[in-house]
């Protein structure tokens, strides 16, 4: 929420996702290049992807694919900031987008083009917007967000829109921060949800696409130094209302760090 850990730095984390026979590792390298105003921050992101298909009877590594996915950028404006003793209230809007830099022509061992879920790129640009709110009182914090994203048509394939919502409650140790060098630990419990509309192919709805997925996500943030933060979480799927016949999602563990260049 346009705090000290969101400008003039870099953030990276690795998240592992299993869905059916496909395992995906994503490691975004997020640059926090500059804050043109005390209420405005920007990001540039390059995701490093590794995908593996372990189909039954096809061997342990029937297909692997790795490289850089679609590049993305965002700008966040905190249009409401009310600071008070031991707390703050903020609201911000985030505008984001991506460009189709990731490859979409990887092929399976039999020479056929791999399914979209195994490609590094989505094949078309996207735009999105989110509204975020933050409330901090002493050691407690509450964050919520809601957003919408739409990807452009890729030939005859038209992805459905995606809506996302998140709610997080945080608690800080220790109770008091004496100096900027005080090490702090924040524990979080989040609810992360997304709902996607069905895609369309050649003007017809694709039955086995879209749906509602939500995760219960405990997490930690440890501020080791004024310029270094370590993070970790695990997202546990608790709602999987998928359209048609689709593989179900597994738990998503993730670890990462943020480093500032003062």
C-alpha atoms as a PDB file:
ATOM      1  CA  UNK A   1       0.000   0.000   0.000  1.00  0.00           C
ATOM      2  CA  UNK A   2       2.706   2.493  -1.125  1.00  0.00           C
ATOM      3  CA  UNK A   3       4.900   1.876   1.900  1.00  0.00           C
ATOM      4  CA  UNK A   4       8.687   1.857   2.208  1.00  0.00           C
ATOM      5  CA  UNK A   5       8.850  -1.724   0.926  1.00  0.00           C
ATOM      6  CA  UNK A   6       7.280  -0.757  -2.408  1.00  0.00           C
ATOM      7  CA  UNK A   7       9.790   1.571  -4.048  1.00  0.00           C
ATOM      8  CA  UNK A   8      13.410   1.528  -5.215  1.00  0.00           C
ATOM      9  CA  UNK A   9      13.816  -2.191  -4.751  1.00  0.00           C
ATOM     10  CA  UNK A  10      13.250  -5.681  -6.078  1.00  0.00           C
ATOM     11  CA  UNK A  11      10.893  -8.440  -5.032  1.00  0.00           C
ATOM     12  CA  UNK A  12      10.971 -12.097  -5.990  1.00  0.00           C
ATOM     13  CA  UNK A  13       9.219 -15.246  -4.843  1.00  0.00           C
ATOM     14  CA  UNK A  14       8.720 -18.786  -6.061  1.00  0.00           C
ATOM     15  CA  UNK A  15       5.311 -20.467  -6.019  1.00  0.00           C
ATOM     16  CA  UNK A  16       4.670 -24.108  -6.889  1.00  0.00           C
ATOM     17  CA  UNK A  17       1.304 -25.149  -8.363  1.00  0.00           C
ATOM     18  CA  UNK A  18       0.079 -28.688  -9.055  1.00  0.00           C
ATOM     19  CA  UNK A  19      -3.034 -29.251 -11.156  1.00  0.00           C
ATOM     20  CA  UNK A  20      -3.761 -32.728 -12.404  1.00  0.00           C
ATOM     21  CA  UNK A  21      -0.663 -34.017 -14.241  1.00  0.00           C
ATOM     22  CA  UNK A  22       0.784 -30.508 -14.682  1.00  0.00           C
ATOM     23  CA  UNK A  23       3.218 -28.978 -12.186  1.00  0.00           C
ATOM     24  CA  UNK A  24       4.106 -25.304 -12.571  1.00  0.00           C
ATOM     25  CA  UNK A  25       6.747 -23.228 -10.835  1.00  0.00           C
ATOM     26  CA  UNK A  26       6.545 -19.458 -11.260  1.00  0.00           C
ATOM     27  CA  UNK A  27       9.193 -17.004 -10.028  1.00  0.00           C
ATOM     28  CA  UNK A  28       8.318 -13.392 -10.858  1.00  0.00           C
ATOM     29  CA  UNK A  29      11.213 -10.929 -10.734  1.00  0.00           C
ATOM     30  CA  UNK A  30       9.403  -7.742  -9.712  1.00  0.00           C
ATOM     31  CA  UNK A  31      11.239  -4.443 -10.015  1.00  0.00           C
ATOM     32  CA  UNK A  32       9.979  -1.506  -7.948  1.00  0.00           C
ATOM     33  CA  UNK A  33      11.711   1.130 -10.074  1.00  0.00           C
ATOM     34  CA  UNK A  34      10.458   4.442  -8.795  1.00  0.00           C
ATOM     35  CA  UNK A  35       7.743   6.332  -6.943  1.00  0.00           C
ATOM     36  CA  UNK A  36       6.983   9.518  -8.885  1.00  0.00           C
ATOM     37  CA  UNK A  37       4.904  10.699  -5.925  1.00  0.00           C
ATOM     38  CA  UNK A  38       4.607   9.650  -2.281  1.00  0.00           C
ATOM     39  CA  UNK A  39       1.237   8.087  -3.122  1.00  0.00           C
ATOM     40  CA  UNK A  40       2.218   6.508  -6.450  1.00  0.00           C
ATOM     41  CA  UNK A  41       4.355   3.389  -6.985  1.00  0.00           C
ATOM     42  CA  UNK A  42       5.152   1.357 -10.071  1.00  0.00           C
ATOM     43  CA  UNK A  43       6.218  -2.218 -10.852  1.00  0.00           C
ATOM     44  CA  UNK A  44       7.778  -4.119 -13.739  1.00  0.00           C
ATOM     45  CA  UNK A  45       7.551  -7.911 -13.645  1.00  0.00           C
ATOM     46  CA  UNK A  46       9.269 -10.704 -15.595  1.00  0.00           C
ATOM     47  CA  UNK A  47       8.017 -14.195 -14.619  1.00  0.00           C
ATOM     48  CA  UNK A  48      10.410 -17.134 -14.813  1.00  0.00           C
ATOM     49  CA  UNK A  49       8.303 -20.227 -15.551  1.00  0.00           C
ATOM     50  CA  UNK A  50       8.952 -23.959 -15.418  1.00  0.00           C
ATOM     51  CA  UNK A  51       6.203 -26.396 -16.397  1.00  0.00           C
ATOM     52  CA  UNK A  52       6.228 -30.176 -16.298  1.00  0.00           C
ATOM     53  CA  UNK A  53       3.723 -32.695 -17.591  1.00  0.00           C
ATOM     54  CA  UNK A  54       3.894 -36.165 -16.041  1.00  0.00           C
ATOM     55  CA  UNK A  55       1.163 -38.030 -17.941  1.00  0.00           C
ATOM     56  CA  UNK A  56       0.469 -41.609 -16.740  1.00  0.00           C
ATOM     57  CA  UNK A  57       2.539 -44.129 -18.703  1.00  0.00           C
ATOM     58  CA  UNK A  58       4.549 -41.427 -20.478  1.00  0.00           C
ATOM     59  CA  UNK A  59       7.534 -41.432 -18.129  1.00  0.00           C
ATOM     60  CA  UNK A  60       8.462 -39.054 -15.298  1.00  0.00           C
ATOM     61  CA  UNK A  61       9.272 -36.201 -17.686  1.00  0.00           C
ATOM     62  CA  UNK A  62       6.965 -36.540 -20.664  1.00  0.00           C
ATOM     63  CA  UNK A  63       7.247 -32.793 -21.275  1.00  0.00           C
ATOM     64  CA  UNK A  64       9.047 -29.867 -19.666  1.00  0.00           C
ATOM     65  CA  UNK A  65       9.029 -26.221 -20.652  1.00  0.00           C
ATOM     66  CA  UNK A  66      10.881 -23.313 -19.091  1.00  0.00           C
ATOM     67  CA  UNK A  67      11.721 -19.685 -19.741  1.00  0.00           C
ATOM     68  CA  UNK A  68      10.355 -16.154 -19.421  1.00  0.00           C
ATOM     69  CA  UNK A  69       6.601 -15.643 -19.597  1.00  0.00           C
ATOM     70  CA  UNK A  70       4.587 -12.512 -20.372  1.00  0.00           C
ATOM     71  CA  UNK A  71       6.097  -9.237 -19.132  1.00  0.00           C
ATOM     72  CA  UNK A  72       3.803  -7.109 -16.975  1.00  0.00           C
ATOM     73  CA  UNK A  73       3.657  -3.622 -15.471  1.00  0.00           C
ATOM     74  CA  UNK A  74       1.445  -1.797 -12.993  1.00  0.00           C
ATOM     75  CA  UNK A  75       0.937   1.595 -11.381  1.00  0.00           C
ATOM     76  CA  UNK A  76      -0.704   2.096  -7.984  1.00  0.00           C
ATOM     77  CA  UNK A  77      -2.211   5.340  -6.690  1.00  0.00           C
ATOM     78  CA  UNK A  78      -3.178   5.684  -3.030  1.00  0.00           C
ATOM     79  CA  UNK A  79      -5.970   8.217  -3.419  1.00  0.00           C
ATOM     80  CA  UNK A  80      -6.949   8.108   0.273  1.00  0.00           C
ATOM     81  CA  UNK A  81      -4.359   8.227   3.086  1.00  0.00           C
ATOM     82  CA  UNK A  82      -5.271   8.965   6.704  1.00  0.00           C
ATOM     83  CA  UNK A  83      -2.380   8.421   9.100  1.00  0.00           C
ATOM     84  CA  UNK A  84      -2.883   8.468  12.850  1.00  0.00           C
ATOM     85  CA  UNK A  85      -0.969   7.400  15.934  1.00  0.00           C
ATOM     86  CA  UNK A  86      -0.056   3.678  15.621  1.00  0.00           C
ATOM     87  CA  UNK A  87      -2.239   3.211  12.579  1.00  0.00           C
ATOM     88  CA  UNK A  88      -3.300   4.212   9.090  1.00  0.00           C
ATOM     89  CA  UNK A  89      -6.251   3.926   6.702  1.00  0.00           C
ATOM     90  CA  UNK A  90      -5.615   3.805   2.952  1.00  0.00           C
ATOM     91  CA  UNK A  91      -7.355   3.073  -0.312  1.00  0.00           C
ATOM     92  CA  UNK A  92      -5.649   2.656  -3.662  1.00  0.00           C
ATOM     93  CA  UNK A  93      -6.404   1.817  -7.268  1.00  0.00           C
ATOM     94  CA  UNK A  94      -4.057  -0.372  -9.312  1.00  0.00           C
ATOM     95  CA  UNK A  95      -3.931  -0.372 -13.121  1.00  0.00           C
ATOM     96  CA  UNK A  96      -2.023  -3.252 -14.693  1.00  0.00           C
ATOM     97  CA  UNK A  97      -1.283  -4.871 -18.016  1.00  0.00           C
ATOM     98  CA  UNK A  98       0.852  -7.487 -19.736  1.00  0.00           C
ATOM     99  CA  UNK A  99       2.327  -8.046 -23.185  1.00  0.00           C
ATOM    100  CA  UNK A 100       2.578 -11.477 -24.898  1.00  0.00           C
ATOM    101  CA  UNK A 101       6.345 -12.018 -24.706  1.00  0.00           C
ATOM    102  CA  UNK A 102       6.199 -15.664 -23.594  1.00  0.00           C
ATOM    103  CA  UNK A 103       6.418 -18.387 -26.255  1.00  0.00           C
ATOM    104  CA  UNK A 104       3.231 -20.116 -27.416  1.00  0.00           C
ATOM    105  CA  UNK A 105       4.617 -22.633 -29.925  1.00  0.00           C
ATOM    106  CA  UNK A 106       6.269 -25.275 -27.712  1.00  0.00           C
ATOM    107  CA  UNK A 107       5.632 -28.815 -28.905  1.00  0.00           C
ATOM    108  CA  UNK A 108       5.179 -32.176 -27.227  1.00  0.00           C
ATOM    109  CA  UNK A 109       7.481 -35.109 -27.951  1.00  0.00           C
ATOM    110  CA  UNK A 110       5.082 -36.305 -30.655  1.00  0.00           C
ATOM    111  CA  UNK A 111       5.481 -32.998 -32.502  1.00  0.00           C
ATOM    112  CA  UNK A 112       2.044 -31.607 -31.695  1.00  0.00           C
ATOM    113  CA  UNK A 113       1.709 -28.103 -30.283  1.00  0.00           C
ATOM    114  CA  UNK A 114       1.449 -28.297 -26.487  1.00  0.00           C
ATOM    115  CA  UNK A 115      -1.844 -27.274 -24.800  1.00  0.00           C
ATOM    116  CA  UNK A 116      -2.217 -23.671 -23.655  1.00  0.00           C
ATOM    117  CA  UNK A 117      -1.690 -24.688 -20.009  1.00  0.00           C
ATOM    118  CA  UNK A 118       1.860 -25.855 -20.888  1.00  0.00           C
ATOM    119  CA  UNK A 119       2.893 -22.778 -22.877  1.00  0.00           C
ATOM    120  CA  UNK A 120       4.958 -19.988 -21.307  1.00  0.00           C
ATOM    121  CA  UNK A 121       2.836 -17.174 -22.729  1.00  0.00           C
ATOM    122  CA  UNK A 122      -0.878 -16.471 -23.045  1.00  0.00           C
ATOM    123  CA  UNK A 123      -0.636 -15.325 -26.670  1.00  0.00           C
ATOM    124  CA  UNK A 124      -2.356 -11.962 -26.243  1.00  0.00           C
ATOM    125  CA  UNK A 125      -2.083  -8.796 -24.097  1.00  0.00           C
ATOM    126  CA  UNK A 126      -4.185  -8.143 -21.014  1.00  0.00           C
ATOM    127  CA  UNK A 127      -5.402  -5.186 -18.958  1.00  0.00           C
ATOM    128  CA  UNK A 128      -6.749  -5.059 -15.427  1.00  0.00           C
ATOM    129  CA  UNK A 129      -7.794  -2.815 -12.541  1.00  0.00           C
ATOM    130  CA  UNK A 130      -8.080  -3.381  -8.790  1.00  0.00           C
ATOM    131  CA  UNK A 131      -9.338  -1.474  -5.770  1.00  0.00           C
ATOM    132  CA  UNK A 132      -7.403  -2.055  -2.532  1.00  0.00           C
ATOM    133  CA  UNK A 133      -8.134  -1.010   1.046  1.00  0.00           C
ATOM    134  CA  UNK A 134      -5.922  -1.114   4.157  1.00  0.00           C
ATOM    135  CA  UNK A 135      -6.712  -0.551   7.837  1.00  0.00           C
ATOM    136  CA  UNK A 136      -3.983  -0.774  10.525  1.00  0.00           C
ATOM    137  CA  UNK A 137      -4.576  -0.331  14.258  1.00  0.00           C
ATOM    138  CA  UNK A 138      -1.591  -0.941  16.534  1.00  0.00           C
ATOM    139  CA  UNK A 139      -0.548  -4.577  15.916  1.00  0.00           C
ATOM    140  CA  UNK A 140      -3.559  -5.511  13.777  1.00  0.00           C
ATOM    141  CA  UNK A 141      -4.040  -4.987  10.064  1.00  0.00           C
ATOM    142  CA  UNK A 142      -6.846  -5.678   7.592  1.00  0.00           C
ATOM    143  CA  UNK A 143      -6.382  -5.618   3.814  1.00  0.00           C
ATOM    144  CA  UNK A 144      -9.001  -6.249   1.134  1.00  0.00           C
ATOM    145  CA  UNK A 145      -9.034  -5.994  -2.645  1.00  0.00           C
ATOM    146  CA  UNK A 146     -11.259  -6.632  -5.637  1.00  0.00           C
ATOM    147  CA  UNK A 147     -10.200  -6.572  -9.272  1.00  0.00           C
ATOM    148  CA  UNK A 148     -11.039  -7.397 -12.865  1.00  0.00           C
ATOM    149  CA  UNK A 149      -8.808  -8.495 -15.755  1.00  0.00           C
ATOM    150  CA  UNK A 150      -9.474  -9.151 -19.428  1.00  0.00           C
ATOM    151  CA  UNK A 151      -7.186 -10.747 -21.981  1.00  0.00           C
ATOM    152  CA  UNK A 152      -7.486  -9.929 -25.675  1.00  0.00           C
ATOM    153  CA  UNK A 153      -8.509 -12.451 -28.321  1.00  0.00           C
ATOM    154  CA  UNK A 154      -5.806 -14.815 -29.582  1.00  0.00           C
ATOM    155  CA  UNK A 155      -6.912 -15.752 -33.089  1.00  0.00           C
ATOM    156  CA  UNK A 156     -10.190 -17.639 -32.795  1.00  0.00           C
ATOM    157  CA  UNK A 157      -9.692 -18.115 -29.034  1.00  0.00           C
ATOM    158  CA  UNK A 158     -11.314 -15.545 -26.749  1.00  0.00           C
ATOM    159  CA  UNK A 159     -10.402 -15.881 -23.043  1.00  0.00           C
ATOM    160  CA  UNK A 160     -13.121 -15.156 -20.511  1.00  0.00           C
ATOM    161  CA  UNK A 161     -12.844 -12.270 -18.063  1.00  0.00           C
ATOM    162  CA  UNK A 162     -11.383 -12.928 -14.610  1.00  0.00           C
ATOM    163  CA  UNK A 163     -12.456 -11.343 -11.337  1.00  0.00           C
ATOM    164  CA  UNK A 164     -10.374 -11.581  -8.180  1.00  0.00           C
ATOM    165  CA  UNK A 165     -11.023 -10.784  -4.528  1.00  0.00           C
ATOM    166  CA  UNK A 166      -8.807 -11.015  -1.438  1.00  0.00           C
ATOM    167  CA  UNK A 167      -9.158 -10.425   2.305  1.00  0.00           C
ATOM    168  CA  UNK A 168      -6.224 -10.640   4.741  1.00  0.00           C
ATOM    169  CA  UNK A 169      -5.892 -10.201   8.519  1.00  0.00           C
ATOM    170  CA  UNK A 170      -2.409  -9.570   9.928  1.00  0.00           C
ATOM    171  CA  UNK A 171      -0.855  -9.447  13.418  1.00  0.00           C
ATOM    172  CA  UNK A 172       2.603  -8.046  14.280  1.00  0.00           C
ATOM    173  CA  UNK A 173       5.303  -9.132  16.733  1.00  0.00           C
ATOM    174  CA  UNK A 174       6.653  -7.438  18.829  1.00  0.00           C
ATOM    175  CA  UNK A 175       4.005  -5.119  20.197  1.00  0.00           C
ATOM    176  CA  UNK A 176       6.182  -2.003  19.912  1.00  0.00           C
ATOM    177  CA  UNK A 177       8.711  -0.901  17.281  1.00  0.00           C
ATOM    178  CA  UNK A 178      11.500   0.955  19.064  1.00  0.00           C
ATOM    179  CA  UNK A 179      13.724   1.913  16.106  1.00  0.00           C
ATOM    180  CA  UNK A 180      13.973   1.322  12.357  1.00  0.00           C
ATOM    181  CA  UNK A 181      16.322  -1.596  13.160  1.00  0.00           C
ATOM    182  CA  UNK A 182      13.683  -3.467  15.186  1.00  0.00           C
ATOM    183  CA  UNK A 183      13.027  -6.878  13.655  1.00  0.00           C
ATOM    184  CA  UNK A 184       9.338  -7.547  13.171  1.00  0.00           C
ATOM    185  CA  UNK A 185       7.298 -10.603  12.257  1.00  0.00           C
ATOM    186  CA  UNK A 186       3.826 -10.337  10.721  1.00  0.00           C
ATOM    187  CA  UNK A 187       1.547 -13.367  10.561  1.00  0.00           C
ATOM    188  CA  UNK A 188      -1.323 -13.366   8.074  1.00  0.00           C
ATOM    189  CA  UNK A 189      -4.418 -15.331   7.288  1.00  0.00           C
ATOM    190  CA  UNK A 190      -5.842 -14.634   3.841  1.00  0.00           C
ATOM    191  CA  UNK A 191      -8.784 -15.624   1.679  1.00  0.00           C
ATOM    192  CA  UNK A 192      -7.793 -15.453  -1.998  1.00  0.00           C
ATOM    193  CA  UNK A 193     -10.511 -16.039  -4.592  1.00  0.00           C
ATOM    194  CA  UNK A 194     -10.965 -15.749  -8.334  1.00  0.00           C
ATOM    195  CA  UNK A 195     -13.867 -16.293 -10.693  1.00  0.00           C
ATOM    196  CA  UNK A 196     -13.375 -16.716 -14.433  1.00  0.00           C
ATOM    197  CA  UNK A 197     -15.937 -16.736 -17.227  1.00  0.00           C
ATOM    198  CA  UNK A 198     -15.919 -19.477 -19.854  1.00  0.00           C
ATOM    199  CA  UNK A 199     -13.619 -18.961 -22.811  1.00  0.00           C
ATOM    200  CA  UNK A 200     -14.915 -18.956 -26.384  1.00  0.00           C
ATOM    201  CA  UNK A 201     -13.448 -20.699 -29.417  1.00  0.00           C
ATOM    202  CA  UNK A 202     -14.653 -19.689 -32.870  1.00  0.00           C
ATOM    203  CA  UNK A 203     -17.637 -17.929 -31.311  1.00  0.00           C
ATOM    204  CA  UNK A 204     -18.759 -20.983 -29.293  1.00  0.00           C
ATOM    205  CA  UNK A 205     -18.471 -21.317 -25.528  1.00  0.00           C
ATOM    206  CA  UNK A 206     -15.800 -23.755 -24.280  1.00  0.00           C
ATOM    207  CA  UNK A 207     -17.554 -25.868 -21.648  1.00  0.00           C
ATOM    208  CA  UNK A 208     -14.497 -26.999 -19.664  1.00  0.00           C
ATOM    209  CA  UNK A 209     -13.157 -23.536 -18.811  1.00  0.00           C
ATOM    210  CA  UNK A 210     -13.737 -20.963 -16.090  1.00  0.00           C
ATOM    211  CA  UNK A 211     -15.242 -21.295 -12.642  1.00  0.00           C
ATOM    212  CA  UNK A 212     -14.702 -20.209  -9.049  1.00  0.00           C
ATOM    213  CA  UNK A 213     -11.585 -21.084  -7.020  1.00  0.00           C
ATOM    214  CA  UNK A 214     -10.736 -19.837  -3.514  1.00  0.00           C
ATOM    215  CA  UNK A 215      -7.805 -20.473  -1.182  1.00  0.00           C
ATOM    216  CA  UNK A 216      -7.277 -20.173   2.585  1.00  0.00           C
ATOM    217  CA  UNK A 217      -3.719 -18.879   2.931  1.00  0.00           C
ATOM    218  CA  UNK A 218      -1.647 -18.577   6.124  1.00  0.00           C
ATOM    219  CA  UNK A 219       1.550 -16.578   5.653  1.00  0.00           C
ATOM    220  CA  UNK A 220       4.518 -14.846   7.316  1.00  0.00           C
ATOM    221  CA  UNK A 221       6.521 -11.667   6.673  1.00  0.00           C
ATOM    222  CA  UNK A 222       9.784 -11.242   8.572  1.00  0.00           C
ATOM    223  CA  UNK A 223      11.522  -7.864   8.384  1.00  0.00           C
ATOM    224  CA  UNK A 224      15.120  -8.934   9.044  1.00  0.00           C
ATOM    225  CA  UNK A 225      16.703  -5.552   8.290  1.00  0.00           C
ATOM    226  CA  UNK A 226      15.260  -2.150   7.343  1.00  0.00           C
ATOM    227  CA  UNK A 227      15.959  -3.049   3.697  1.00  0.00           C
ATOM    228  CA  UNK A 228      15.283  -6.821   3.697  1.00  0.00           C
ATOM    229  CA  UNK A 229      12.000  -8.708   4.129  1.00  0.00           C
ATOM    230  CA  UNK A 230      11.521 -12.500   3.900  1.00  0.00           C
ATOM    231  CA  UNK A 231       8.084 -13.927   3.053  1.00  0.00           C
ATOM    232  CA  UNK A 232       6.390 -17.310   2.968  1.00  0.00           C
ATOM    233  CA  UNK A 233       2.869 -18.688   2.561  1.00  0.00           C
ATOM    234  CA  UNK A 234       0.844 -21.692   1.507  1.00  0.00           C
ATOM    235  CA  UNK A 235      -2.462 -21.383  -0.351  1.00  0.00           C
ATOM    236  CA  UNK A 236      -4.851 -24.229   0.408  1.00  0.00           C
ATOM    237  CA  UNK A 237      -7.787 -24.625  -2.031  1.00  0.00           C
ATOM    238  CA  UNK A 238     -11.110 -24.774  -0.192  1.00  0.00           C
ATOM    239  CA  UNK A 239     -13.524 -23.875  -3.036  1.00  0.00           C
ATOM    240  CA  UNK A 240     -13.256 -25.407  -6.513  1.00  0.00           C
ATOM    241  CA  UNK A 241     -16.467 -24.830  -8.431  1.00  0.00           C
ATOM    242  CA  UNK A 242     -15.081 -25.465 -11.906  1.00  0.00           C
ATOM    243  CA  UNK A 243     -17.149 -25.489 -15.088  1.00  0.00           C
ATOM    244  CA  UNK A 244     -17.402 -28.782 -16.949  1.00  0.00           C
ATOM    245  CA  UNK A 245     -14.617 -31.345 -16.487  1.00  0.00           C
ATOM    246  CA  UNK A 246     -11.347 -29.787 -15.306  1.00  0.00           C
ATOM    247  CA  UNK A 247      -8.381 -30.915 -13.229  1.00  0.00           C
ATOM    248  CA  UNK A 248      -8.475 -29.754  -9.638  1.00  0.00           C
ATOM    249  CA  UNK A 249      -5.896 -27.482  -8.029  1.00  0.00           C
ATOM    250  CA  UNK A 250      -3.514 -28.574  -5.293  1.00  0.00           C
ATOM    251  CA  UNK A 251      -1.979 -26.508  -2.494  1.00  0.00           C
ATOM    252  CA  UNK A 252       0.390 -23.706  -3.572  1.00  0.00           C
ATOM    253  CA  UNK A 253       3.449 -23.133  -1.336  1.00  0.00           C
ATOM    254  CA  UNK A 254       5.522 -20.007  -1.899  1.00  0.00           C
ATOM    255  CA  UNK A 255       8.649 -18.308  -0.489  1.00  0.00           C
ATOM    256  CA  UNK A 256      10.265 -15.003  -1.383  1.00  0.00           C
ATOM    257  CA  UNK A 257      12.037 -11.804  -0.395  1.00  0.00           C
ATOM    258  CA  UNK A 258      12.049  -8.040  -0.928  1.00  0.00           C
ATOM    259  CA  UNK A 259      15.220  -5.981  -0.991  1.00  0.00           C
ATOM    260  CA  UNK A 260      15.433  -2.186  -1.033  1.00  0.00           C
ATOM    261  CA  UNK A 261      18.174  -0.015  -2.482  1.00  0.00           C
ATOM    262  CA  UNK A 262      18.374   2.958  -0.146  1.00  0.00           C
END
